[in-house]
Amino acid sequence: MKRGQKAGAEQVVLKLRQIEVQTAQGKSLALACKEAELSEQSYYRWRKEYGGLQIDRPVG
């Protein structure tokens, strides 16, 4: 995500999930954030704001 762009709630949740998966696999948080093109500060802020949200997926 480029600097100055606003992300939608769905994009935020997807990035948070991506980073959580990578850290669970043993990557450092700094590296996972860098690969997701997100600062650690934004990660913590988004996690605080959007951490409990989940993406609705169609059942089927």
PDB file of N, CA and C in Angstrom:
ATOM      1  N   MET A   1       0.835  -1.160   0.000  1.00  0.00           N
ATOM      2  CA  MET A   1       0.000   0.000   0.000  1.00  0.00           C
ATOM      3  C   MET A   1       0.886   1.230   0.000  1.00  0.00           C
ATOM      4  N   LYS A   2       0.578   2.162  -0.875  1.00  0.00           N
ATOM      5  CA  LYS A   2       1.405   3.350  -0.992  1.00  0.00           C
ATOM      6  C   LYS A   2       1.081   4.343   0.104  1.00  0.00           C
ATOM      7  N   ARG A   3       2.060   5.133   0.415  1.00  0.00           N
ATOM      8  CA  ARG A   3       1.906   6.127   1.468  1.00  0.00           C
ATOM      9  C   ARG A   3       0.811   7.121   1.095  1.00  0.00           C
ATOM     10  N   GLY A   4      -0.050   7.401   2.042  1.00  0.00           N
ATOM     11  CA  GLY A   4      -1.115   8.359   1.819  1.00  0.00           C
ATOM     12  C   GLY A   4      -2.414   7.743   1.327  1.00  0.00           C
ATOM     13  N   GLN A   5      -2.396   6.464   0.984  1.00  0.00           N
ATOM     14  CA  GLN A   5      -3.618   5.807   0.538  1.00  0.00           C
ATOM     15  C   GLN A   5      -4.399   5.291   1.737  1.00  0.00           C
ATOM     16  N   LYS A   6      -5.701   5.384   1.656  1.00  0.00           N
ATOM     17  CA  LYS A   6      -6.554   4.841   2.713  1.00  0.00           C
ATOM     18  C   LYS A   6      -6.967   3.431   2.317  1.00  0.00           C
ATOM     19  N   ALA A   7      -6.922   2.545   3.281  1.00  0.00           N
ATOM     20  CA  ALA A   7      -7.300   1.160   3.029  1.00  0.00           C
ATOM     21  C   ALA A   7      -8.715   0.926   3.558  1.00  0.00           C
ATOM     22  N   GLY A   8      -9.464   0.109   2.851  1.00  0.00           N
ATOM     23  CA  GLY A   8     -10.778  -0.266   3.321  1.00  0.00           C
ATOM     24  C   GLY A   8     -10.646  -1.287   4.440  1.00  0.00           C
ATOM     25  N   ALA A   9     -11.710  -1.456   5.206  1.00  0.00           N
ATOM     26  CA  ALA A   9     -11.684  -2.375   6.344  1.00  0.00           C
ATOM     27  C   ALA A   9     -11.332  -3.795   5.909  1.00  0.00           C
ATOM     28  N   GLU A  10     -11.825  -4.213   4.765  1.00  0.00           N
ATOM     29  CA  GLU A  10     -11.543  -5.571   4.295  1.00  0.00           C
ATOM     30  C   GLU A  10     -10.060  -5.734   3.963  1.00  0.00           C
ATOM     31  N   GLN A  11      -9.468  -4.722   3.326  1.00  0.00           N
ATOM     32  CA  GLN A  11      -8.039  -4.773   3.016  1.00  0.00           C
ATOM     33  C   GLN A  11      -7.208  -4.814   4.288  1.00  0.00           C
ATOM     34  N   VAL A  12      -7.617  -4.038   5.279  1.00  0.00           N
ATOM     35  CA  VAL A  12      -6.892  -3.992   6.547  1.00  0.00           C
ATOM     36  C   VAL A  12      -6.902  -5.359   7.203  1.00  0.00           C
ATOM     37  N   VAL A  13      -8.064  -5.979   7.270  1.00  0.00           N
ATOM     38  CA  VAL A  13      -8.184  -7.286   7.908  1.00  0.00           C
ATOM     39  C   VAL A  13      -7.356  -8.321   7.155  1.00  0.00           C
ATOM     40  N   LEU A  14      -7.346  -8.265   5.833  1.00  0.00           N
ATOM     41  CA  LEU A  14      -6.543  -9.205   5.049  1.00  0.00           C
ATOM     42  C   LEU A  14      -5.052  -9.021   5.320  1.00  0.00           C
ATOM     43  N   LYS A  15      -4.587  -7.770   5.380  1.00  0.00           N
ATOM     44  CA  LYS A  15      -3.171  -7.523   5.673  1.00  0.00           C
ATOM     45  C   LYS A  15      -2.816  -7.984   7.076  1.00  0.00           C
ATOM     46  N   LEU A  16      -3.696  -7.717   8.050  1.00  0.00           N
ATOM     47  CA  LEU A  16      -3.433  -8.162   9.416  1.00  0.00           C
ATOM     48  C   LEU A  16      -3.327  -9.680   9.474  1.00  0.00           C
ATOM     49  N   ARG A  17      -4.227 -10.360   8.797  1.00  0.00           N
ATOM     50  CA  ARG A  17      -4.207 -11.822   8.783  1.00  0.00           C
ATOM     51  C   ARG A  17      -2.947 -12.342   8.112  1.00  0.00           C
ATOM     52  N   GLN A  18      -2.540 -11.698   7.016  1.00  0.00           N
ATOM     53  CA  GLN A  18      -1.326 -12.095   6.306  1.00  0.00           C
ATOM     54  C   GLN A  18      -0.112 -11.981   7.227  1.00  0.00           C
ATOM     55  N   ILE A  19      -0.031 -10.892   7.956  1.00  0.00           N
ATOM     56  CA  ILE A  19       1.102 -10.682   8.860  1.00  0.00           C
ATOM     57  C   ILE A  19       1.063 -11.686  10.007  1.00  0.00           C
ATOM     58  N   GLU A  20      -0.115 -11.954  10.539  1.00  0.00           N
ATOM     59  CA  GLU A  20      -0.232 -12.925  11.631  1.00  0.00           C
ATOM     60  C   GLU A  20       0.202 -14.313  11.189  1.00  0.00           C
ATOM     61  N   VAL A  21      -0.156 -14.712   9.980  1.00  0.00           N
ATOM     62  CA  VAL A  21       0.249 -16.023   9.455  1.00  0.00           C
ATOM     63  C   VAL A  21       1.762 -16.086   9.321  1.00  0.00           C
ATOM     64  N   GLN A  22       2.354 -15.036   8.789  1.00  0.00           N
ATOM     65  CA  GLN A  22       3.804 -15.036   8.596  1.00  0.00           C
ATOM     66  C   GLN A  22       4.544 -15.065   9.925  1.00  0.00           C
ATOM     67  N   THR A  23       4.055 -14.335  10.916  1.00  0.00           N
ATOM     68  CA  THR A  23       4.730 -14.356  12.217  1.00  0.00           C
ATOM     69  C   THR A  23       4.549 -15.715  12.891  1.00  0.00           C
ATOM     70  N   ALA A  24       3.425 -16.365  12.661  1.00  0.00           N
ATOM     71  CA  ALA A  24       3.213 -17.699  13.223  1.00  0.00           C
ATOM     72  C   ALA A  24       4.155 -18.717  12.587  1.00  0.00           C
ATOM     73  N   GLN A  25       4.574 -18.445  11.366  1.00  0.00           N
ATOM     74  CA  GLN A  25       5.503 -19.332  10.671  1.00  0.00           C
ATOM     75  C   GLN A  25       6.958 -19.036  11.028  1.00  0.00           C
ATOM     76  N   GLY A  26       7.163 -18.058  11.907  1.00  0.00           N
ATOM     77  CA  GLY A  26       8.508 -17.801  12.393  1.00  0.00           C
ATOM     78  C   GLY A  26       9.173 -16.541  11.888  1.00  0.00           C
ATOM     79  N   LYS A  27       8.515 -15.804  11.005  1.00  0.00           N
ATOM     80  CA  LYS A  27       9.099 -14.553  10.524  1.00  0.00           C
ATOM     81  C   LYS A  27       9.006 -13.502  11.614  1.00  0.00           C
ATOM     82  N   SER A  28       9.936 -12.584  11.590  1.00  0.00           N
ATOM     83  CA  SER A  28       9.865 -11.479  12.543  1.00  0.00           C
ATOM     84  C   SER A  28       8.754 -10.529  12.102  1.00  0.00           C
ATOM     85  N   LEU A  29       8.218  -9.798  13.060  1.00  0.00           N
ATOM     86  CA  LEU A  29       7.145  -8.852  12.757  1.00  0.00           C
ATOM     87  C   LEU A  29       7.644  -7.781  11.794  1.00  0.00           C
ATOM     88  N   ALA A  30       8.863  -7.321  11.995  1.00  0.00           N
ATOM     89  CA  ALA A  30       9.423  -6.281  11.126  1.00  0.00           C
ATOM     90  C   ALA A  30       9.478  -6.753   9.677  1.00  0.00           C
ATOM     91  N   LEU A  31       9.923  -7.985   9.460  1.00  0.00           N
ATOM     92  CA  LEU A  31      10.028  -8.520   8.104  1.00  0.00           C
ATOM     93  C   LEU A  31       8.644  -8.743   7.487  1.00  0.00           C
ATOM     94  N   ALA A  32       7.710  -9.261   8.272  1.00  0.00           N
ATOM     95  CA  ALA A  32       6.355  -9.499   7.771  1.00  0.00           C
ATOM     96  C   ALA A  32       5.685  -8.181   7.383  1.00  0.00           C
ATOM     97  N   CYS A  33       5.883  -7.154   8.192  1.00  0.00           N
ATOM     98  CA  CYS A  33       5.310  -5.836   7.876  1.00  0.00           C
ATOM     99  C   CYS A  33       5.947  -5.262   6.618  1.00  0.00           C
ATOM    100  N   LYS A  34       7.250  -5.432   6.492  1.00  0.00           N
ATOM    101  CA  LYS A  34       7.956  -4.912   5.323  1.00  0.00           C
ATOM    102  C   LYS A  34       7.447  -5.580   4.052  1.00  0.00           C
ATOM    103  N   GLU A  35       7.251  -6.892   4.096  1.00  0.00           N
ATOM    104  CA  GLU A  35       6.753  -7.613   2.928  1.00  0.00           C
ATOM    105  C   GLU A  35       5.317  -7.216   2.594  1.00  0.00           C
ATOM    106  N   ALA A  36       4.542  -6.831   3.600  1.00  0.00           N
ATOM    107  CA  ALA A  36       3.166  -6.393   3.380  1.00  0.00           C
ATOM    108  C   ALA A  36       3.098  -4.906   3.041  1.00  0.00           C
ATOM    109  N   GLU A  37       4.267  -4.263   2.958  1.00  0.00           N
ATOM    110  CA  GLU A  37       4.365  -2.835   2.671  1.00  0.00           C
ATOM    111  C   GLU A  37       3.562  -2.011   3.674  1.00  0.00           C
ATOM    112  N   LEU A  38       3.827  -2.295   4.941  1.00  0.00           N
ATOM    113  CA  LEU A  38       3.106  -1.658   6.036  1.00  0.00           C
ATOM    114  C   LEU A  38       4.100  -1.370   7.154  1.00  0.00           C
ATOM    115  N   SER A  39       3.968  -0.218   7.777  1.00  0.00           N
ATOM    116  CA  SER A  39       4.863   0.079   8.895  1.00  0.00           C
ATOM    117  C   SER A  39       4.381  -0.666  10.135  1.00  0.00           C
ATOM    118  N   GLU A  40       5.306  -0.920  11.041  1.00  0.00           N
ATOM    119  CA  GLU A  40       4.920  -1.589  12.288  1.00  0.00           C
ATOM    120  C   GLU A  40       3.934  -0.733  13.070  1.00  0.00           C
ATOM    121  N   GLN A  41       4.112   0.572  13.017  1.00  0.00           N
ATOM    122  CA  GLN A  41       3.197   1.474  13.715  1.00  0.00           C
ATOM    123  C   GLN A  41       1.775   1.314  13.185  1.00  0.00           C
ATOM    124  N   SER A  42       1.630   1.249  11.859  1.00  0.00           N
ATOM    125  CA  SER A  42       0.305   1.053  11.265  1.00  0.00           C
ATOM    126  C   SER A  42      -0.256  -0.307  11.644  1.00  0.00           C
ATOM    127  N   TYR A  43       0.622  -1.325  11.673  1.00  0.00           N
ATOM    128  CA  TYR A  43       0.171  -2.657  12.064  1.00  0.00           C
ATOM    129  C   TYR A  43      -0.446  -2.621  13.454  1.00  0.00           C
ATOM    130  N   TYR A  44       0.231  -2.038  14.425  1.00  0.00           N
ATOM    131  CA  TYR A  44      -0.284  -2.001  15.794  1.00  0.00           C
ATOM    132  C   TYR A  44      -1.561  -1.163  15.893  1.00  0.00           C
ATOM    133  N   ARG A  45      -1.602  -0.057  15.157  1.00  0.00           N
ATOM    134  CA  ARG A  45      -2.796   0.792  15.178  1.00  0.00           C
ATOM    135  C   ARG A  45      -3.985   0.052  14.568  1.00  0.00           C
ATOM    136  N   TRP A  46      -3.750  -0.602  13.419  1.00  0.00           N
ATOM    137  CA  TRP A  46      -4.828  -1.356  12.773  1.00  0.00           C
ATOM    138  C   TRP A  46      -5.272  -2.528  13.614  1.00  0.00           C
ATOM    139  N   ARG A  47      -4.316  -3.205  14.254  1.00  0.00           N
ATOM    140  CA  ARG A  47      -4.670  -4.356  15.088  1.00  0.00           C
ATOM    141  C   ARG A  47      -5.553  -3.913  16.245  1.00  0.00           C
ATOM    142  N   LYS A  48      -5.246  -2.768  16.799  1.00  0.00           N
ATOM    143  CA  LYS A  48      -6.044  -2.232  17.907  1.00  0.00           C
ATOM    144  C   LYS A  48      -7.458  -1.881  17.428  1.00  0.00           C
ATOM    145  N   GLU A  49      -7.557  -1.301  16.227  1.00  0.00           N
ATOM    146  CA  GLU A  49      -8.841  -0.842  15.711  1.00  0.00           C
ATOM    147  C   GLU A  49      -9.651  -1.949  15.050  1.00  0.00           C
ATOM    148  N   TYR A  50      -8.985  -2.802  14.275  1.00  0.00           N
ATOM    149  CA  TYR A  50      -9.689  -3.807  13.461  1.00  0.00           C
ATOM    150  C   TYR A  50      -9.441  -5.235  13.907  1.00  0.00           C
ATOM    151  N   GLY A  51      -8.714  -5.445  14.968  1.00  0.00           N
ATOM    152  CA  GLY A  51      -8.276  -6.778  15.363  1.00  0.00           C
ATOM    153  C   GLY A  51      -9.382  -7.801  15.521  1.00  0.00           C
ATOM    154  N   GLY A  52     -10.556  -7.400  15.961  1.00  0.00           N
ATOM    155  CA  GLY A  52     -11.632  -8.353  16.193  1.00  0.00           C
ATOM    156  C   GLY A  52     -12.514  -8.600  14.993  1.00  0.00           C
ATOM    157  N   LEU A  53     -12.295  -7.875  13.909  1.00  0.00           N
ATOM    158  CA  LEU A  53     -13.156  -8.019  12.737  1.00  0.00           C
ATOM    159  C   LEU A  53     -12.759  -9.234  11.929  1.00  0.00           C
ATOM    160  N   GLN A  54     -13.744  -9.823  11.271  1.00  0.00           N
ATOM    161  CA  GLN A  54     -13.495 -10.940  10.370  1.00  0.00           C
ATOM    162  C   GLN A  54     -14.199 -10.639   9.059  1.00  0.00           C
ATOM    163  N   ILE A  55     -13.678 -11.207   7.999  1.00  0.00           N
ATOM    164  CA  ILE A  55     -14.260 -11.020   6.681  1.00  0.00           C
ATOM    165  C   ILE A  55     -15.363 -12.036   6.490  1.00  0.00           C
ATOM    166  N   ASP A  56     -16.516 -11.564   6.036  1.00  0.00           N
ATOM    167  CA  ASP A  56     -17.625 -12.484   5.755  1.00  0.00           C
ATOM    168  C   ASP A  56     -17.317 -13.225   4.464  1.00  0.00           C
ATOM    169  N   ARG A  57     -17.337 -14.533   4.559  1.00  0.00           N
ATOM    170  CA  ARG A  57     -17.086 -15.350   3.377  1.00  0.00           C
ATOM    171  C   ARG A  57     -18.359 -16.122   3.066  1.00  0.00           C
ATOM    172  N   PRO A  58     -18.696 -16.221   1.771  1.00  0.00           N
ATOM    173  CA  PRO A  58     -19.898 -16.972   1.423  1.00  0.00           C
ATOM    174  C   PRO A  58     -19.730 -18.448   1.761  1.00  0.00           C
ATOM    175  N   VAL A  59     -20.799 -19.036   2.238  1.00  0.00           N
ATOM    176  CA  VAL A  59     -20.788 -20.451   2.566  1.00  0.00           C
ATOM    177  C   VAL A  59     -21.122 -21.223   1.295  1.00  0.00           C
ATOM    178  N   GLY A  60     -20.332 -22.243   0.998  1.00  0.00           N
ATOM    179  CA  GLY A  60     -20.659 -22.976  -0.209  1.00  0.00           C
ATOM    180  C   GLY A  60     -19.698 -23.947  -0.615  1.00  0.00           C
TER     181      GLY A  60
END
